[in-house]
Amino acid sequence: MRKLPKGEYTTGSIAKAAGLNHAKTLRRLRQLAESGEIRSVGKRWSTERPPNDLDEALDRLQARTSNIRIVRDRPLVG
């Protein structure tokens, strides 16, 4: 997971990328999740930071409104 780009991946795709079987991959993913390096999102695994309260509120607002587009400022990197 550390070498993959930030995002969400299935256990199967991670196992294939690592060249490991499903059971070994799942065991390692659970260890990484316990240490806080990754998190489980449904049936996928994510390397992205968990959304904060503001992100979640904006996502809920956007889902409820079909005629409003929410534009968020992104922090500058670098």
N, C-alpha and C. Protein backbone atom coordinates (compact mmCIF):
# COMPACT_ATOMS: atom_id res chain seq x y z
N MET A 1 0.83 -1.20 0.00
CA MET A 1 0.00 0.00 0.00
C MET A 1 0.87 1.26 0.00
N ARG A 2 2.00 1.20 0.64
CA ARG A 2 2.85 2.40 0.73
C ARG A 2 3.33 2.85 -0.65
N LYS A 3 3.51 1.91 -1.57
CA LYS A 3 4.04 2.25 -2.89
C LYS A 3 2.94 2.63 -3.88
N LEU A 4 1.68 2.35 -3.55
CA LEU A 4 0.58 2.67 -4.45
C LEU A 4 0.21 4.15 -4.31
N PRO A 5 -0.29 4.76 -5.38
CA PRO A 5 -0.76 6.14 -5.27
C PRO A 5 -1.92 6.23 -4.27
N LYS A 6 -2.11 7.41 -3.68
CA LYS A 6 -3.20 7.59 -2.73
C LYS A 6 -4.52 7.24 -3.41
N GLY A 7 -5.37 6.52 -2.69
CA GLY A 7 -6.66 6.14 -3.24
C GLY A 7 -7.23 4.95 -2.50
N GLU A 8 -8.27 4.37 -3.09
CA GLU A 8 -8.94 3.20 -2.51
C GLU A 8 -8.71 2.00 -3.41
N TYR A 9 -8.45 0.85 -2.78
CA TYR A 9 -8.15 -0.37 -3.52
C TYR A 9 -8.86 -1.55 -2.89
N THR A 10 -9.18 -2.54 -3.70
CA THR A 10 -9.76 -3.78 -3.18
C THR A 10 -8.62 -4.67 -2.69
N THR A 11 -8.97 -5.62 -1.84
CA THR A 11 -7.97 -6.57 -1.34
C THR A 11 -7.37 -7.35 -2.51
N GLY A 12 -8.21 -7.73 -3.46
CA GLY A 12 -7.73 -8.48 -4.62
C GLY A 12 -6.73 -7.71 -5.46
N SER A 13 -6.97 -6.44 -5.69
CA SER A 13 -6.03 -5.65 -6.51
C SER A 13 -4.71 -5.43 -5.78
N ILE A 14 -4.79 -5.29 -4.45
CA ILE A 14 -3.56 -5.13 -3.66
C ILE A 14 -2.77 -6.44 -3.67
N ALA A 15 -3.47 -7.56 -3.51
CA ALA A 15 -2.81 -8.87 -3.54
C ALA A 15 -2.11 -9.10 -4.87
N LYS A 16 -2.78 -8.74 -5.94
CA LYS A 16 -2.20 -8.92 -7.28
C LYS A 16 -0.97 -8.05 -7.45
N ALA A 17 -1.05 -6.79 -7.01
CA ALA A 17 0.09 -5.88 -7.13
C ALA A 17 1.28 -6.35 -6.29
N ALA A 18 0.99 -6.93 -5.12
CA ALA A 18 2.05 -7.39 -4.22
C ALA A 18 2.54 -8.79 -4.54
N GLY A 19 1.79 -9.53 -5.36
CA GLY A 19 2.17 -10.89 -5.69
C GLY A 19 1.97 -11.86 -4.53
N LEU A 20 0.99 -11.55 -3.67
CA LEU A 20 0.69 -12.40 -2.50
C LEU A 20 -0.69 -13.00 -2.65
N ASN A 21 -0.95 -14.06 -1.86
CA ASN A 21 -2.29 -14.63 -1.90
C ASN A 21 -3.23 -13.76 -1.06
N HIS A 22 -4.52 -14.01 -1.23
CA HIS A 22 -5.56 -13.19 -0.60
C HIS A 22 -5.45 -13.19 0.93
N ALA A 23 -5.24 -14.35 1.52
CA ALA A 23 -5.18 -14.47 2.99
C ALA A 23 -4.02 -13.69 3.58
N LYS A 24 -2.83 -13.81 3.00
CA LYS A 24 -1.67 -13.08 3.50
C LYS A 24 -1.87 -11.57 3.35
N THR A 25 -2.44 -11.18 2.21
CA THR A 25 -2.68 -9.76 1.96
C THR A 25 -3.67 -9.20 2.96
N LEU A 26 -4.75 -9.91 3.19
CA LEU A 26 -5.77 -9.45 4.14
C LEU A 26 -5.20 -9.34 5.55
N ARG A 27 -4.39 -10.29 5.95
CA ARG A 27 -3.76 -10.25 7.28
C ARG A 27 -2.86 -9.01 7.41
N ARG A 28 -2.08 -8.74 6.37
CA ARG A 28 -1.18 -7.57 6.40
C ARG A 28 -1.97 -6.26 6.38
N LEU A 29 -3.05 -6.21 5.61
CA LEU A 29 -3.88 -5.01 5.56
C LEU A 29 -4.49 -4.71 6.92
N ARG A 30 -4.92 -5.75 7.61
CA ARG A 30 -5.49 -5.56 8.95
C ARG A 30 -4.44 -5.03 9.92
N GLN A 31 -3.19 -5.50 9.79
CA GLN A 31 -2.11 -4.99 10.63
C GLN A 31 -1.86 -3.51 10.34
N LEU A 32 -1.85 -3.15 9.07
CA LEU A 32 -1.64 -1.74 8.70
C LEU A 32 -2.78 -0.86 9.20
N ALA A 33 -4.00 -1.38 9.16
CA ALA A 33 -5.15 -0.62 9.65
C ALA A 33 -5.07 -0.43 11.16
N GLU A 34 -4.63 -1.45 11.89
CA GLU A 34 -4.48 -1.33 13.34
C GLU A 34 -3.43 -0.29 13.71
N SER A 35 -2.39 -0.18 12.90
CA SER A 35 -1.33 0.80 13.18
C SER A 35 -1.71 2.20 12.70
N GLY A 36 -2.82 2.32 11.97
CA GLY A 36 -3.29 3.63 11.52
C GLY A 36 -2.72 4.09 10.19
N GLU A 37 -1.96 3.24 9.51
CA GLU A 37 -1.38 3.63 8.22
C GLU A 37 -2.41 3.68 7.11
N ILE A 38 -3.40 2.80 7.19
CA ILE A 38 -4.47 2.77 6.19
C ILE A 38 -5.79 2.62 6.94
N ARG A 39 -6.91 2.71 6.20
CA ARG A 39 -8.20 2.50 6.84
C ARG A 39 -9.11 1.73 5.90
N SER A 40 -10.04 1.04 6.51
CA SER A 40 -11.01 0.26 5.76
C SER A 40 -12.19 1.15 5.39
N VAL A 41 -12.58 1.11 4.12
CA VAL A 41 -13.73 1.87 3.64
C VAL A 41 -14.65 0.87 2.95
N GLY A 42 -15.59 0.34 3.71
CA GLY A 42 -16.45 -0.71 3.16
C GLY A 42 -15.62 -1.94 2.85
N LYS A 43 -15.62 -2.37 1.60
CA LYS A 43 -14.85 -3.55 1.20
C LYS A 43 -13.52 -3.15 0.56
N ARG A 44 -13.16 -1.89 0.66
CA ARG A 44 -11.92 -1.39 0.08
C ARG A 44 -10.98 -0.90 1.19
N TRP A 45 -9.75 -0.63 0.80
CA TRP A 45 -8.74 -0.11 1.72
C TRP A 45 -8.26 1.22 1.16
N SER A 46 -8.10 2.20 2.02
CA SER A 46 -7.74 3.54 1.57
C SER A 46 -6.47 4.04 2.24
N THR A 47 -5.65 4.73 1.46
CA THR A 47 -4.45 5.39 1.97
C THR A 47 -4.71 6.87 2.21
N GLU A 48 -5.90 7.35 1.86
CA GLU A 48 -6.22 8.77 2.02
C GLU A 48 -6.62 9.06 3.46
N ARG A 49 -6.44 10.30 3.86
CA ARG A 49 -6.82 10.70 5.22
C ARG A 49 -8.34 10.64 5.34
N PRO A 50 -8.82 10.34 6.53
CA PRO A 50 -10.28 10.30 6.71
C PRO A 50 -10.87 11.70 6.56
N PRO A 51 -12.08 11.80 6.05
CA PRO A 51 -12.68 13.14 5.89
C PRO A 51 -12.95 13.77 7.25
N ASN A 52 -12.80 15.09 7.31
CA ASN A 52 -13.12 15.77 8.56
C ASN A 52 -14.60 16.15 8.56
N ASP A 53 -15.07 16.73 9.63
CA ASP A 53 -16.49 17.07 9.76
C ASP A 53 -16.96 18.02 8.67
N LEU A 54 -16.11 18.99 8.31
CA LEU A 54 -16.49 19.95 7.27
C LEU A 54 -16.64 19.26 5.92
N ASP A 55 -15.69 18.39 5.58
CA ASP A 55 -15.78 17.65 4.31
C ASP A 55 -17.06 16.84 4.24
N GLU A 56 -17.39 16.14 5.34
CA GLU A 56 -18.59 15.32 5.36
C GLU A 56 -19.85 16.17 5.24
N ALA A 57 -19.88 17.32 5.92
CA ALA A 57 -21.05 18.20 5.84
C ALA A 57 -21.23 18.74 4.43
N LEU A 58 -20.14 19.14 3.79
CA LEU A 58 -20.23 19.65 2.42
C LEU A 58 -20.67 18.55 1.45
N ASP A 59 -20.20 17.35 1.65
CA ASP A 59 -20.62 16.23 0.79
C ASP A 59 -22.11 15.95 0.96
N ARG A 60 -22.62 15.98 2.20
CA ARG A 60 -24.06 15.77 2.43
C ARG A 60 -24.87 16.89 1.79
N LEU A 61 -24.41 18.13 1.92
CA LEU A 61 -25.10 19.26 1.33
C LEU A 61 -25.13 19.13 -0.19
N GLN A 62 -24.03 18.78 -0.77
CA GLN A 62 -23.95 18.63 -2.22
C GLN A 62 -24.87 17.50 -2.70
N ALA A 63 -24.97 16.43 -1.94
CA ALA A 63 -25.83 15.31 -2.32
C ALA A 63 -27.30 15.70 -2.28
N ARG A 64 -27.66 16.64 -1.41
CA ARG A 64 -29.06 17.06 -1.28
C ARG A 64 -29.47 18.14 -2.26
N THR A 65 -28.51 18.77 -2.89
CA THR A 65 -28.83 19.88 -3.80
C THR A 65 -28.38 19.52 -5.21
N SER A 66 -29.31 19.58 -6.13
CA SER A 66 -28.95 19.23 -7.51
C SER A 66 -28.59 20.46 -8.34
N ASN A 67 -28.99 21.65 -7.89
CA ASN A 67 -28.74 22.84 -8.70
C ASN A 67 -27.65 23.73 -8.12
N ILE A 68 -26.96 23.27 -7.08
CA ILE A 68 -25.89 24.07 -6.48
C ILE A 68 -24.60 23.29 -6.60
N ARG A 69 -23.55 23.98 -7.01
CA ARG A 69 -22.23 23.35 -7.08
C ARG A 69 -21.36 23.98 -6.01
N ILE A 70 -20.74 23.14 -5.20
CA ILE A 70 -19.87 23.62 -4.13
C ILE A 70 -18.44 23.53 -4.60
N VAL A 71 -17.73 24.64 -4.53
CA VAL A 71 -16.33 24.69 -4.92
C VAL A 71 -15.53 24.91 -3.65
N ARG A 72 -14.61 23.99 -3.37
CA ARG A 72 -13.80 24.08 -2.16
C ARG A 72 -12.41 24.57 -2.51
N ASP A 73 -11.87 25.42 -1.67
CA ASP A 73 -10.47 25.82 -1.83
C ASP A 73 -9.59 24.66 -1.44
N ARG A 74 -8.57 24.40 -2.20
CA ARG A 74 -7.61 23.34 -1.89
C ARG A 74 -6.34 24.02 -1.38
N PRO A 75 -5.72 23.44 -0.34
CA PRO A 75 -4.48 24.03 0.16
C PRO A 75 -3.39 23.89 -0.89
N LEU A 76 -2.52 24.88 -0.94
CA LEU A 76 -1.42 24.85 -1.88
C LEU A 76 -0.37 23.87 -1.39
N VAL A 77 0.15 23.06 -2.30
CA VAL A 77 1.16 22.08 -1.96
C VAL A 77 2.49 22.59 -2.48
N GLY A 78 3.47 22.49 -1.65
CA GLY A 78 4.82 22.82 -2.11
C GLY A 78 5.30 24.08 -1.65
